Amino acid sequence: MTRKIQALERLARRITDWTGSSVAFVIALGSVFVWLAVGPFVDPPFLNSNYQLIINTGTTVVTFLMVFLIQRAQNKDSQAVHLKLNELLAAVQGASNRLISVEDLSEAELHTLHKHFKRLVELAKTEQNLTESHSIEEAQGRHHTKRAREKT
């Protein structure tokens, strides 16, 4: 079973690569031009239902298959980017490990994180040094320390 899946993945990758090439575009464009060139020779010209059916069926089938190939490529690319970002988060000292695999959170949880980062932006705006970077907790701690110093 694994070999069949691997073979299918290789086939899908090759087709995805090929359909995104200039050669594939030229072939698709050439097909449309051939279809248009044949139009005047059908009876009645350009209005024959079989003539219309050829291009409609062809483009529908190609579009249907391409949706799945594009989604497959998008999913793979997205997963690779998430893994790279997770690696960076895990490797950078001071980065919040809570953001590793953040894509698996619910929309409500993502909204909560978004609000936290908006607070971080607001806290960062009060900094004198524009290159200073903090985690939310660190920024809040520094902010509270500054406020306490201002009051004394």
C-alpha atoms as a PDB file:
ATOM      1  CA  MET A   1       0.000   0.000   0.000  1.00  0.00           C
ATOM      2  CA  THR A   2       2.816   2.396   0.865  1.00  0.00           C
ATOM      3  CA  ARG A   3       4.437   1.915  -2.554  1.00  0.00           C
ATOM      4  CA  LYS A   4       1.158   2.762  -4.274  1.00  0.00           C
ATOM      5  CA  ILE A   5       0.812   5.947  -2.215  1.00  0.00           C
ATOM      6  CA  GLN A   6       4.425   6.923  -2.916  1.00  0.00           C
ATOM      7  CA  ALA A   7       3.926   6.280  -6.635  1.00  0.00           C
ATOM      8  CA  LEU A   8       0.746   8.371  -6.588  1.00  0.00           C
ATOM      9  CA  GLU A   9       2.581  11.186  -4.773  1.00  0.00           C
ATOM     10  CA  ARG A  10       5.404  11.117  -7.341  1.00  0.00           C
ATOM     11  CA  LEU A  11       2.876  11.173 -10.183  1.00  0.00           C
ATOM     12  CA  ALA A  12       0.932  14.050  -8.629  1.00  0.00           C
ATOM     13  CA  ARG A  13       4.181  15.989  -8.066  1.00  0.00           C
ATOM     14  CA  ARG A  14       5.298  15.471 -11.670  1.00  0.00           C
ATOM     15  CA  ILE A  15       1.906  16.507 -13.042  1.00  0.00           C
ATOM     16  CA  THR A  16       1.834  19.549 -10.739  1.00  0.00           C
ATOM     17  CA  ASP A  17       5.318  20.572 -11.876  1.00  0.00           C
ATOM     18  CA  TRP A  18       4.468  20.017 -15.537  1.00  0.00           C
ATOM     19  CA  THR A  19       1.117  21.819 -15.488  1.00  0.00           C
ATOM     20  CA  GLY A  20       2.833  24.835 -13.944  1.00  0.00           C
ATOM     21  CA  SER A  21       5.377  24.976 -16.761  1.00  0.00           C
ATOM     22  CA  SER A  22       5.510  27.260 -19.788  1.00  0.00           C
ATOM     23  CA  VAL A  23       5.206  24.246 -22.089  1.00  0.00           C
ATOM     24  CA  ALA A  24       1.869  23.281 -20.526  1.00  0.00           C
ATOM     25  CA  PHE A  25       0.610  26.843 -20.910  1.00  0.00           C
ATOM     26  CA  VAL A  26       1.627  26.924 -24.583  1.00  0.00           C
ATOM     27  CA  ILE A  27      -0.136  23.583 -25.171  1.00  0.00           C
ATOM     28  CA  ALA A  28      -3.313  24.862 -23.471  1.00  0.00           C
ATOM     29  CA  LEU A  29      -3.171  28.093 -25.454  1.00  0.00           C
ATOM     30  CA  GLY A  30      -2.528  26.145 -28.659  1.00  0.00           C
ATOM     31  CA  SER A  31      -5.540  23.932 -27.934  1.00  0.00           C
ATOM     32  CA  VAL A  32      -7.773  26.972 -27.663  1.00  0.00           C
ATOM     33  CA  PHE A  33      -6.369  28.401 -30.896  1.00  0.00           C
ATOM     34  CA  VAL A  34      -6.960  25.078 -32.705  1.00  0.00           C
ATOM     35  CA  TRP A  35     -10.499  24.966 -31.345  1.00  0.00           C
ATOM     36  CA  LEU A  36     -11.071  28.544 -32.567  1.00  0.00           C
ATOM     37  CA  ALA A  37      -9.498  27.808 -35.958  1.00  0.00           C
ATOM     38  CA  VAL A  38     -11.857  24.858 -36.500  1.00  0.00           C
ATOM     39  CA  GLY A  39     -14.889  27.017 -35.625  1.00  0.00           C
ATOM     40  CA  PRO A  40     -15.504  28.480 -39.099  1.00  0.00           C
ATOM     41  CA  PHE A  41     -15.538  24.989 -40.660  1.00  0.00           C
ATOM     42  CA  VAL A  42     -18.365  23.517 -38.585  1.00  0.00           C
ATOM     43  CA  ASP A  43     -21.963  23.902 -39.614  1.00  0.00           C
ATOM     44  CA  PRO A  44     -23.233  26.408 -38.497  1.00  0.00           C
ATOM     45  CA  PRO A  45     -19.920  28.177 -37.805  1.00  0.00           C
ATOM     46  CA  PHE A  46     -19.099  28.493 -34.060  1.00  0.00           C
ATOM     47  CA  LEU A  47     -22.715  27.637 -33.091  1.00  0.00           C
ATOM     48  CA  ASN A  48     -22.647  23.855 -33.457  1.00  0.00           C
ATOM     49  CA  SER A  49     -23.476  22.236 -30.106  1.00  0.00           C
ATOM     50  CA  ASN A  50     -20.881  19.471 -30.575  1.00  0.00           C
ATOM     51  CA  TYR A  51     -18.262  22.108 -31.313  1.00  0.00           C
ATOM     52  CA  GLN A  52     -19.149  23.964 -28.101  1.00  0.00           C
ATOM     53  CA  LEU A  53     -19.348  20.695 -26.141  1.00  0.00           C
ATOM     54  CA  ILE A  54     -15.752  19.801 -26.999  1.00  0.00           C
ATOM     55  CA  ILE A  55     -14.214  22.886 -25.381  1.00  0.00           C
ATOM     56  CA  ASN A  56     -16.697  22.964 -22.489  1.00  0.00           C
ATOM     57  CA  THR A  57     -16.105  19.329 -21.556  1.00  0.00           C
ATOM     58  CA  GLY A  58     -12.350  19.596 -21.947  1.00  0.00           C
ATOM     59  CA  THR A  59     -12.005  22.701 -19.817  1.00  0.00           C
ATOM     60  CA  THR A  60     -14.386  21.360 -17.171  1.00  0.00           C
ATOM     61  CA  VAL A  61     -12.440  18.110 -16.771  1.00  0.00           C
ATOM     62  CA  VAL A  62      -9.072  19.880 -16.689  1.00  0.00           C
ATOM     63  CA  THR A  63     -10.351  22.443 -14.168  1.00  0.00           C
ATOM     64  CA  PHE A  64     -11.825  19.719 -11.953  1.00  0.00           C
ATOM     65  CA  LEU A  65      -8.526  17.808 -11.837  1.00  0.00           C
ATOM     66  CA  MET A  66      -6.408  20.941 -11.417  1.00  0.00           C
ATOM     67  CA  VAL A  67      -8.362  22.034  -8.341  1.00  0.00           C
ATOM     68  CA  PHE A  68      -7.184  18.891  -6.546  1.00  0.00           C
ATOM     69  CA  LEU A  69      -3.606  19.188  -7.787  1.00  0.00           C
ATOM     70  CA  ILE A  70      -3.406  22.842  -6.768  1.00  0.00           C
ATOM     71  CA  GLN A  71      -4.889  22.094  -3.343  1.00  0.00           C
ATOM     72  CA  ARG A  72      -2.423  19.232  -2.859  1.00  0.00           C
ATOM     73  CA  ALA A  73       0.525  21.468  -3.722  1.00  0.00           C
ATOM     74  CA  GLN A  74      -0.816  24.238  -1.490  1.00  0.00           C
ATOM     75  CA  ASN A  75      -1.261  21.855   1.453  1.00  0.00           C
ATOM     76  CA  LYS A  76       2.254  20.478   1.082  1.00  0.00           C
ATOM     77  CA  ASP A  77       3.821  23.934   0.772  1.00  0.00           C
ATOM     78  CA  SER A  78       1.820  25.220   3.733  1.00  0.00           C
ATOM     79  CA  GLN A  79       2.861  22.281   5.895  1.00  0.00           C
ATOM     80  CA  ALA A  80       6.521  22.796   4.951  1.00  0.00           C
ATOM     81  CA  VAL A  81       6.349  26.504   5.839  1.00  0.00           C
ATOM     82  CA  HIS A  82       4.700  25.689   9.189  1.00  0.00           C
ATOM     83  CA  LEU A  83       7.440  23.170   9.983  1.00  0.00           C
ATOM     84  CA  LYS A  84      10.150  25.697   9.135  1.00  0.00           C
ATOM     85  CA  LEU A  85       8.500  28.333  11.308  1.00  0.00           C
ATOM     86  CA  ASN A  86       8.119  25.815  14.148  1.00  0.00           C
ATOM     87  CA  GLU A  87      11.835  25.063  13.907  1.00  0.00           C
ATOM     88  CA  LEU A  88      12.661  28.770  14.105  1.00  0.00           C
ATOM     89  CA  LEU A  89      10.384  29.259  17.098  1.00  0.00           C
ATOM     90  CA  ALA A  90      11.913  26.287  18.865  1.00  0.00           C
ATOM     91  CA  ALA A  91      15.465  27.479  18.137  1.00  0.00           C
ATOM     92  CA  VAL A  92      15.188  31.195  18.953  1.00  0.00           C
ATOM     93  CA  GLN A  93      15.763  32.036  22.585  1.00  0.00           C
ATOM     94  CA  GLY A  94      12.953  34.163  23.976  1.00  0.00           C
ATOM     95  CA  ALA A  95      10.451  33.111  21.312  1.00  0.00           C
ATOM     96  CA  SER A  96       7.172  31.842  22.664  1.00  0.00           C
ATOM     97  CA  ASN A  97       6.991  28.051  22.314  1.00  0.00           C
ATOM     98  CA  ARG A  98       3.221  28.386  22.603  1.00  0.00           C
ATOM     99  CA  LEU A  99       3.240  29.455  18.950  1.00  0.00           C
ATOM    100  CA  ILE A 100       4.645  26.135  17.737  1.00  0.00           C
ATOM    101  CA  SER A 101       1.889  24.468  15.689  1.00  0.00           C
ATOM    102  CA  VAL A 102      -0.367  27.475  16.190  1.00  0.00           C
ATOM    103  CA  GLU A 103      -2.116  26.520  12.935  1.00  0.00           C
ATOM    104  CA  ASP A 104      -3.806  23.684  14.842  1.00  0.00           C
ATOM    105  CA  LEU A 105      -5.614  26.069  17.209  1.00  0.00           C
ATOM    106  CA  SER A 106      -9.280  26.948  16.861  1.00  0.00           C
ATOM    107  CA  GLU A 107     -10.342  30.278  15.383  1.00  0.00           C
ATOM    108  CA  ALA A 108     -11.282  31.514  18.870  1.00  0.00           C
ATOM    109  CA  GLU A 109      -7.835  30.599  20.203  1.00  0.00           C
ATOM    110  CA  LEU A 110      -6.177  32.320  17.249  1.00  0.00           C
ATOM    111  CA  HIS A 111      -8.290  35.419  17.925  1.00  0.00           C
ATOM    112  CA  THR A 112      -7.125  35.402  21.563  1.00  0.00           C
ATOM    113  CA  LEU A 113      -3.487  35.156  20.449  1.00  0.00           C
ATOM    114  CA  HIS A 114      -4.070  37.973  17.987  1.00  0.00           C
ATOM    115  CA  LYS A 115      -5.343  40.175  20.823  1.00  0.00           C
ATOM    116  CA  HIS A 116      -2.252  39.324  22.891  1.00  0.00           C
ATOM    117  CA  PHE A 117       0.043  40.317  20.043  1.00  0.00           C
ATOM    118  CA  LYS A 118      -1.872  43.543  19.544  1.00  0.00           C
ATOM    119  CA  ARG A 119      -1.115  44.280  23.207  1.00  0.00           C
ATOM    120  CA  LEU A 120       2.538  43.494  22.552  1.00  0.00           C
ATOM    121  CA  VAL A 121       2.541  45.989  19.689  1.00  0.00           C
ATOM    122  CA  GLU A 122       1.041  48.639  21.951  1.00  0.00           C
ATOM    123  CA  LEU A 123       3.662  47.934  24.614  1.00  0.00           C
ATOM    124  CA  ALA A 124       6.432  48.030  22.009  1.00  0.00           C
ATOM    125  CA  LYS A 125       5.241  51.449  20.848  1.00  0.00           C
ATOM    126  CA  THR A 126       6.088  52.826  24.294  1.00  0.00           C
ATOM    127  CA  GLU A 127       9.716  51.636  23.991  1.00  0.00           C
ATOM    128  CA  GLN A 128      12.430  54.153  23.236  1.00  0.00           C
ATOM    129  CA  ASN A 129      14.492  51.616  21.275  1.00  0.00           C
ATOM    130  CA  LEU A 130      12.698  50.578  18.065  1.00  0.00           C
ATOM    131  CA  THR A 131      14.786  47.421  17.686  1.00  0.00           C
ATOM    132  CA  GLU A 132      13.833  46.036  21.120  1.00  0.00           C
ATOM    133  CA  SER A 133      11.888  42.786  20.952  1.00  0.00           C
ATOM    134  CA  HIS A 134      10.040  40.949  23.707  1.00  0.00           C
ATOM    135  CA  SER A 135       7.739  38.110  24.431  1.00  0.00           C
ATOM    136  CA  ILE A 136       4.324  39.199  25.679  1.00  0.00           C
ATOM    137  CA  GLU A 137       5.162  38.235  29.241  1.00  0.00           C
ATOM    138  CA  GLU A 138       8.547  39.996  29.143  1.00  0.00           C
ATOM    139  CA  ALA A 139       7.049  43.133  27.612  1.00  0.00           C
ATOM    140  CA  GLN A 140       4.273  43.216  30.218  1.00  0.00           C
ATOM    141  CA  GLY A 141       6.790  42.715  33.030  1.00  0.00           C
ATOM    142  CA  ARG A 142       8.990  45.544  31.750  1.00  0.00           C
ATOM    143  CA  HIS A 143       5.943  47.719  31.250  1.00  0.00           C
ATOM    144  CA  HIS A 144       4.786  47.126  34.849  1.00  0.00           C
ATOM    145  CA  THR A 145       8.330  47.781  36.132  1.00  0.00           C
ATOM    146  CA  LYS A 146       8.452  51.087  34.249  1.00  0.00           C
ATOM    147  CA  ARG A 147       5.037  52.089  35.599  1.00  0.00           C
ATOM    148  CA  ALA A 148       6.148  51.251  39.150  1.00  0.00           C
ATOM    149  CA  ARG A 149       9.299  53.369  38.718  1.00  0.00           C
ATOM    150  CA  GLU A 150       7.257  56.286  37.352  1.00  0.00           C
ATOM    151  CA  LYS A 151       4.997  56.244  40.427  1.00  0.00           C
ATOM    152  CA  THR A 152       7.914  56.415  42.871  1.00  0.00           C
END
